[in-house]
Amino acid sequence: MRKFLALAVLATALTLGGVAKATVFIDVTQQAQGSQLWDITVSITDTTRVGGIALLGGPNLTALALNPLNLGIDTVSSNLNPDVFGDGTTSAFGINNSAVGTAIAVGSGPTLLGTLTIIGAHCVGATGSVCSAANSDVGPGDDLYGYTAVQDNAATTKILDFAIRQNPKGNPAPEPASLLLLGFGLAGISLVRRRAA
């Protein structure tokens, strides 16, 4: 029984240890299964104020519609360049603040920045899954812009503690922790039945 409990504690620690510990989460989430529209949101776990984000992707990023209700976004300097290098391989987009000291995202809840059109997304999977970096259609903008996320002070302070997550919509799949609990429950029932017999 002790071995069983030790195994349960270890498995739970490993499962929970896989959770990302970033300060700023940039999420690109598919609106519906099979949709080409992906919402761009930012969630923050501390008091950081995001003044801009910059991401790169492949040629399948074709349009960016900014959230008109987010008054912190500068609609002139925020845009998508579908062929940034002129060779058909890379798209880039930046969403910037309208003035120094104005944030495009603050607080813990997801803040909608805009909607990205991705034709033939590489990121596919079950609802609740997150695509690996190899299958993601978006990635950090550091190579082109010099940053991926910056604070709201004139792009002088980079946010280094960020995570980019691309979230597809598909058939619901149980999360690993639920499967782990189900497995332990079935093992416990099996153990009790063996002892009773």
C-alpha atoms as a PDB file:
ATOM      1  CA  MET A   1       0.000   0.000   0.000  1.00  0.00           C
ATOM      2  CA  ARG A   2       2.892   2.365   0.778  1.00  0.00           C
ATOM      3  CA  LYS A   3       4.399   1.751  -2.631  1.00  0.00           C
ATOM      4  CA  PHE A   4       1.033   2.468  -4.221  1.00  0.00           C
ATOM      5  CA  LEU A   5       0.724   5.784  -2.319  1.00  0.00           C
ATOM      6  CA  ALA A   6       4.314   6.755  -3.153  1.00  0.00           C
ATOM      7  CA  LEU A   7       3.640   6.051  -6.825  1.00  0.00           C
ATOM      8  CA  ALA A   8       0.449   8.151  -6.692  1.00  0.00           C
ATOM      9  CA  VAL A   9       2.305  11.102  -5.136  1.00  0.00           C
ATOM     10  CA  LEU A  10       5.118  10.852  -7.690  1.00  0.00           C
ATOM     11  CA  ALA A  11       2.718  10.650 -10.645  1.00  0.00           C
ATOM     12  CA  THR A  12       0.728  13.641  -9.361  1.00  0.00           C
ATOM     13  CA  ALA A  13       3.907  15.698  -8.900  1.00  0.00           C
ATOM     14  CA  LEU A  14       5.075  14.859 -12.419  1.00  0.00           C
ATOM     15  CA  THR A  15       1.678  15.756 -13.884  1.00  0.00           C
ATOM     16  CA  LEU A  16       1.442  19.065 -12.050  1.00  0.00           C
ATOM     17  CA  GLY A  17       5.125  19.841 -12.662  1.00  0.00           C
ATOM     18  CA  GLY A  18       4.463  20.041 -16.398  1.00  0.00           C
ATOM     19  CA  VAL A  19       2.384  23.217 -16.035  1.00  0.00           C
ATOM     20  CA  ALA A  20       4.029  26.281 -17.589  1.00  0.00           C
ATOM     21  CA  LYS A  21       5.188  28.877 -15.095  1.00  0.00           C
ATOM     22  CA  ALA A  22       5.364  31.964 -17.337  1.00  0.00           C
ATOM     23  CA  THR A  23       4.253  35.450 -16.331  1.00  0.00           C
ATOM     24  CA  VAL A  24       2.656  36.369 -19.684  1.00  0.00           C
ATOM     25  CA  PHE A  25       0.712  33.857 -21.787  1.00  0.00           C
ATOM     26  CA  ILE A  26       0.071  34.686 -25.439  1.00  0.00           C
ATOM     27  CA  ASP A  27      -2.680  32.355 -26.620  1.00  0.00           C
ATOM     28  CA  VAL A  28      -3.752  31.795 -30.218  1.00  0.00           C
ATOM     29  CA  THR A  29      -7.013  29.850 -29.922  1.00  0.00           C
ATOM     30  CA  GLN A  30      -9.098  28.435 -32.755  1.00  0.00           C
ATOM     31  CA  GLN A  31     -12.685  29.762 -32.644  1.00  0.00           C
ATOM     32  CA  ALA A  32     -14.294  26.459 -33.698  1.00  0.00           C
ATOM     33  CA  GLN A  33     -13.230  23.072 -35.016  1.00  0.00           C
ATOM     34  CA  GLY A  34     -12.054  23.487 -38.627  1.00  0.00           C
ATOM     35  CA  SER A  35     -12.247  27.304 -38.457  1.00  0.00           C
ATOM     36  CA  GLN A  36      -9.562  29.460 -40.059  1.00  0.00           C
ATOM     37  CA  LEU A  37     -10.132  32.152 -37.383  1.00  0.00           C
ATOM     38  CA  TRP A  38      -7.893  32.132 -34.306  1.00  0.00           C
ATOM     39  CA  ASP A  39      -8.311  34.584 -31.404  1.00  0.00           C
ATOM     40  CA  ILE A  40      -5.167  36.199 -29.996  1.00  0.00           C
ATOM     41  CA  THR A  41      -5.408  36.758 -26.243  1.00  0.00           C
ATOM     42  CA  VAL A  42      -2.963  37.679 -23.487  1.00  0.00           C
ATOM     43  CA  SER A  43      -3.224  36.507 -19.865  1.00  0.00           C
ATOM     44  CA  ILE A  44      -0.924  37.809 -17.135  1.00  0.00           C
ATOM     45  CA  THR A  45      -0.127  36.159 -13.789  1.00  0.00           C
ATOM     46  CA  ASP A  46       1.349  39.205 -12.016  1.00  0.00           C
ATOM     47  CA  THR A  47       1.301  43.026 -12.304  1.00  0.00           C
ATOM     48  CA  THR A  48       3.059  43.163 -15.688  1.00  0.00           C
ATOM     49  CA  ARG A  49       1.535  45.609 -18.189  1.00  0.00           C
ATOM     50  CA  VAL A  50       1.922  44.455 -21.812  1.00  0.00           C
ATOM     51  CA  GLY A  51       2.521  47.214 -24.324  1.00  0.00           C
ATOM     52  CA  GLY A  52       3.125  45.105 -27.424  1.00  0.00           C
ATOM     53  CA  ILE A  53       3.596  41.635 -28.852  1.00  0.00           C
ATOM     54  CA  ALA A  54       5.340  40.440 -32.001  1.00  0.00           C
ATOM     55  CA  LEU A  55       5.040  36.975 -33.512  1.00  0.00           C
ATOM     56  CA  LEU A  56       6.312  35.187 -36.606  1.00  0.00           C
ATOM     57  CA  GLY A  57       4.606  32.467 -38.606  1.00  0.00           C
ATOM     58  CA  GLY A  58       4.478  30.795 -41.968  1.00  0.00           C
ATOM     59  CA  PRO A  59       2.856  32.002 -45.181  1.00  0.00           C
ATOM     60  CA  ASN A  60      -0.487  30.572 -44.049  1.00  0.00           C
ATOM     61  CA  LEU A  61      -1.075  33.617 -41.771  1.00  0.00           C
ATOM     62  CA  THR A  62      -3.170  35.737 -44.113  1.00  0.00           C
ATOM     63  CA  ALA A  63      -5.097  38.386 -42.154  1.00  0.00           C
ATOM     64  CA  LEU A  64      -5.200  40.150 -38.790  1.00  0.00           C
ATOM     65  CA  ALA A  65      -8.348  41.851 -37.456  1.00  0.00           C
ATOM     66  CA  LEU A  66      -7.705  43.963 -34.351  1.00  0.00           C
ATOM     67  CA  ASN A  67     -10.159  44.089 -31.454  1.00  0.00           C
ATOM     68  CA  PRO A  68     -11.888  47.497 -31.832  1.00  0.00           C
ATOM     69  CA  LEU A  69     -12.958  47.402 -28.167  1.00  0.00           C
ATOM     70  CA  ASN A  70      -9.341  47.341 -26.944  1.00  0.00           C
ATOM     71  CA  LEU A  71      -8.596  51.072 -26.922  1.00  0.00           C
ATOM     72  CA  GLY A  72      -4.956  50.521 -25.954  1.00  0.00           C
ATOM     73  CA  ILE A  73      -4.105  49.131 -29.414  1.00  0.00           C
ATOM     74  CA  ASP A  74      -2.584  51.431 -32.041  1.00  0.00           C
ATOM     75  CA  THR A  75      -4.436  50.498 -35.221  1.00  0.00           C
ATOM     76  CA  VAL A  76      -1.857  52.243 -37.451  1.00  0.00           C
ATOM     77  CA  SER A  77       1.310  50.458 -36.273  1.00  0.00           C
ATOM     78  CA  SER A  78      -0.330  47.116 -35.482  1.00  0.00           C
ATOM     79  CA  ASN A  79      -0.500  44.929 -38.571  1.00  0.00           C
ATOM     80  CA  LEU A  80       0.310  41.684 -40.353  1.00  0.00           C
ATOM     81  CA  ASN A  81       3.016  41.484 -42.997  1.00  0.00           C
ATOM     82  CA  PRO A  82       2.156  38.263 -44.889  1.00  0.00           C
ATOM     83  CA  ASP A  83       5.561  38.023 -46.646  1.00  0.00           C
ATOM     84  CA  VAL A  84       8.032  39.891 -44.485  1.00  0.00           C
ATOM     85  CA  PHE A  85      11.187  38.677 -46.264  1.00  0.00           C
ATOM     86  CA  GLY A  86       9.764  38.689 -49.807  1.00  0.00           C
ATOM     87  CA  ASP A  87      10.451  34.981 -50.303  1.00  0.00           C
ATOM     88  CA  GLY A  88       7.037  33.548 -49.388  1.00  0.00           C
ATOM     89  CA  THR A  89       8.265  31.765 -46.247  1.00  0.00           C
ATOM     90  CA  THR A  90       7.517  33.999 -43.272  1.00  0.00           C
ATOM     91  CA  SER A  91       4.665  36.157 -42.038  1.00  0.00           C
ATOM     92  CA  ALA A  92       5.027  38.522 -39.117  1.00  0.00           C
ATOM     93  CA  PHE A  93       2.640  40.572 -37.053  1.00  0.00           C
ATOM     94  CA  GLY A  94       2.898  43.063 -34.274  1.00  0.00           C
ATOM     95  CA  ILE A  95       0.209  44.493 -32.001  1.00  0.00           C
ATOM     96  CA  ASN A  96       1.383  47.696 -30.349  1.00  0.00           C
ATOM     97  CA  ASN A  97       0.101  50.156 -27.764  1.00  0.00           C
ATOM     98  CA  SER A  98      -1.265  53.558 -28.776  1.00  0.00           C
ATOM     99  CA  ALA A  99       0.997  55.542 -26.418  1.00  0.00           C
ATOM    100  CA  VAL A 100       3.755  55.137 -23.846  1.00  0.00           C
ATOM    101  CA  GLY A 101       2.158  54.036 -20.583  1.00  0.00           C
ATOM    102  CA  THR A 102      -0.894  52.571 -22.327  1.00  0.00           C
ATOM    103  CA  ALA A 103      -1.213  48.813 -22.016  1.00  0.00           C
ATOM    104  CA  ILE A 104      -2.831  46.463 -24.518  1.00  0.00           C
ATOM    105  CA  ALA A 105      -3.246  43.852 -21.757  1.00  0.00           C
ATOM    106  CA  VAL A 106      -3.318  43.976 -17.956  1.00  0.00           C
ATOM    107  CA  GLY A 107      -4.724  41.697 -15.284  1.00  0.00           C
ATOM    108  CA  SER A 108      -5.260  37.977 -15.075  1.00  0.00           C
ATOM    109  CA  GLY A 109      -8.196  37.396 -17.410  1.00  0.00           C
ATOM    110  CA  PRO A 110      -7.565  36.815 -21.085  1.00  0.00           C
ATOM    111  CA  THR A 111      -7.539  40.111 -22.991  1.00  0.00           C
ATOM    112  CA  LEU A 112      -8.606  39.802 -26.634  1.00  0.00           C
ATOM    113  CA  LEU A 113      -6.185  41.599 -28.959  1.00  0.00           C
ATOM    114  CA  GLY A 114      -7.512  40.450 -32.301  1.00  0.00           C
ATOM    115  CA  THR A 115      -8.275  37.576 -34.628  1.00  0.00           C
ATOM    116  CA  LEU A 116      -5.774  35.941 -36.945  1.00  0.00           C
ATOM    117  CA  THR A 117      -6.736  34.094 -40.130  1.00  0.00           C
ATOM    118  CA  ILE A 118      -4.674  30.935 -40.611  1.00  0.00           C
ATOM    119  CA  ILE A 119      -5.308  28.991 -43.822  1.00  0.00           C
ATOM    120  CA  GLY A 120      -4.517  25.270 -43.494  1.00  0.00           C
ATOM    121  CA  ALA A 121      -3.243  25.413 -39.919  1.00  0.00           C
ATOM    122  CA  HIS A 122      -0.545  22.914 -38.964  1.00  0.00           C
ATOM    123  CA  CYS A 123      -1.810  22.995 -35.391  1.00  0.00           C
ATOM    124  CA  VAL A 124      -4.582  20.427 -35.101  1.00  0.00           C
ATOM    125  CA  GLY A 125      -5.706  18.372 -32.154  1.00  0.00           C
ATOM    126  CA  ALA A 126      -8.315  17.870 -29.528  1.00  0.00           C
ATOM    127  CA  THR A 127      -9.942  20.709 -27.629  1.00  0.00           C
ATOM    128  CA  GLY A 128      -7.837  21.471 -24.581  1.00  0.00           C
ATOM    129  CA  SER A 129      -4.578  20.418 -26.235  1.00  0.00           C
ATOM    130  CA  VAL A 130      -1.698  22.789 -26.978  1.00  0.00           C
ATOM    131  CA  CYS A 131       0.399  22.366 -30.108  1.00  0.00           C
ATOM    132  CA  SER A 132       4.098  21.661 -29.780  1.00  0.00           C
ATOM    133  CA  ALA A 133       6.524  24.275 -31.092  1.00  0.00           C
ATOM    134  CA  ALA A 134       7.218  22.029 -34.108  1.00  0.00           C
ATOM    135  CA  ASN A 135       3.526  22.011 -35.136  1.00  0.00           C
ATOM    136  CA  SER A 136       2.678  25.572 -34.136  1.00  0.00           C
ATOM    137  CA  ASP A 137       1.762  28.156 -36.765  1.00  0.00           C
ATOM    138  CA  VAL A 138       3.098  31.035 -34.629  1.00  0.00           C
ATOM    139  CA  GLY A 139       6.312  31.599 -32.722  1.00  0.00           C
ATOM    140  CA  PRO A 140       8.423  34.252 -31.026  1.00  0.00           C
ATOM    141  CA  GLY A 141       9.162  37.480 -32.889  1.00  0.00           C
ATOM    142  CA  ASP A 142      12.604  38.026 -31.364  1.00  0.00           C
ATOM    143  CA  ASP A 143      14.545  37.245 -34.569  1.00  0.00           C
ATOM    144  CA  LEU A 144      12.813  39.995 -36.543  1.00  0.00           C
ATOM    145  CA  TYR A 145      11.482  42.500 -34.033  1.00  0.00           C
ATOM    146  CA  GLY A 146      14.025  42.025 -31.240  1.00  0.00           C
ATOM    147  CA  TYR A 147      11.255  41.054 -28.837  1.00  0.00           C
ATOM    148  CA  THR A 148       8.141  38.902 -28.480  1.00  0.00           C
ATOM    149  CA  ALA A 149       6.476  40.836 -25.686  1.00  0.00           C
ATOM    150  CA  VAL A 150       7.302  44.237 -24.178  1.00  0.00           C
ATOM    151  CA  GLN A 151       6.003  46.306 -21.308  1.00  0.00           C
ATOM    152  CA  ASP A 152       4.036  49.517 -21.896  1.00  0.00           C
ATOM    153  CA  ASN A 153       7.050  51.849 -21.557  1.00  0.00           C
ATOM    154  CA  ALA A 154       7.997  52.609 -25.184  1.00  0.00           C
ATOM    155  CA  ALA A 155       9.171  49.057 -25.995  1.00  0.00           C
ATOM    156  CA  THR A 156      12.269  49.485 -23.847  1.00  0.00           C
ATOM    157  CA  THR A 157      11.599  46.661 -21.400  1.00  0.00           C
ATOM    158  CA  LYS A 158      11.340  43.206 -22.902  1.00  0.00           C
ATOM    159  CA  ILE A 159       9.180  40.628 -21.167  1.00  0.00           C
ATOM    160  CA  LEU A 160      11.353  37.533 -21.013  1.00  0.00           C
ATOM    161  CA  ASP A 161       9.030  35.322 -18.964  1.00  0.00           C
ATOM    162  CA  PHE A 162       6.376  34.502 -21.584  1.00  0.00           C
ATOM    163  CA  ALA A 163       4.804  31.477 -23.223  1.00  0.00           C
ATOM    164  CA  ILE A 164       3.120  31.217 -26.622  1.00  0.00           C
ATOM    165  CA  ARG A 165       0.380  28.595 -26.799  1.00  0.00           C
ATOM    166  CA  GLN A 166      -1.594  27.640 -29.894  1.00  0.00           C
ATOM    167  CA  ASN A 167      -4.836  25.943 -28.897  1.00  0.00           C
ATOM    168  CA  PRO A 168      -6.828  24.007 -31.513  1.00  0.00           C
ATOM    169  CA  LYS A 169     -10.507  23.100 -31.217  1.00  0.00           C
ATOM    170  CA  GLY A 170     -11.341  19.518 -31.944  1.00  0.00           C
ATOM    171  CA  ASN A 171     -12.932  16.506 -30.398  1.00  0.00           C
ATOM    172  CA  PRO A 172     -12.723  16.797 -26.624  1.00  0.00           C
ATOM    173  CA  ALA A 173      -9.951  14.739 -25.071  1.00  0.00           C
ATOM    174  CA  PRO A 174      -9.635  14.024 -21.369  1.00  0.00           C
ATOM    175  CA  GLU A 175      -6.799  15.884 -19.673  1.00  0.00           C
ATOM    176  CA  PRO A 176      -3.895  13.781 -18.347  1.00  0.00           C
ATOM    177  CA  ALA A 177      -4.704  14.443 -14.678  1.00  0.00           C
ATOM    178  CA  SER A 178      -8.243  13.075 -15.149  1.00  0.00           C
ATOM    179  CA  LEU A 179      -6.898   9.942 -16.807  1.00  0.00           C
ATOM    180  CA  LEU A 180      -4.404   9.554 -13.985  1.00  0.00           C
ATOM    181  CA  LEU A 181      -7.142   9.805 -11.351  1.00  0.00           C
ATOM    182  CA  LEU A 182      -9.317   7.333 -13.257  1.00  0.00           C
ATOM    183  CA  GLY A 183      -6.395   4.898 -13.435  1.00  0.00           C
ATOM    184  CA  PHE A 184      -5.718   5.167  -9.722  1.00  0.00           C
ATOM    185  CA  GLY A 185      -9.404   4.688  -8.956  1.00  0.00           C
ATOM    186  CA  LEU A 186      -9.578   1.534 -11.061  1.00  0.00           C
ATOM    187  CA  ALA A 187      -6.355   0.218  -9.505  1.00  0.00           C
ATOM    188  CA  GLY A 188      -7.772   0.919  -6.030  1.00  0.00           C
ATOM    189  CA  ILE A 189     -11.009  -0.934  -6.811  1.00  0.00           C
ATOM    190  CA  SER A 190      -8.988  -3.841  -8.176  1.00  0.00           C
ATOM    191  CA  LEU A 191      -6.841  -3.915  -5.039  1.00  0.00           C
ATOM    192  CA  VAL A 192      -9.880  -3.865  -2.731  1.00  0.00           C
ATOM    193  CA  ARG A 193     -11.580  -6.685  -4.683  1.00  0.00           C
ATOM    194  CA  ARG A 194      -8.449  -8.854  -4.515  1.00  0.00           C
ATOM    195  CA  ARG A 195      -8.158  -8.423  -0.747  1.00  0.00           C
ATOM    196  CA  ALA A 196     -11.865  -9.175  -0.272  1.00  0.00           C
ATOM    197  CA  ALA A 197     -11.572 -12.395  -2.278  1.00  0.00           C
END
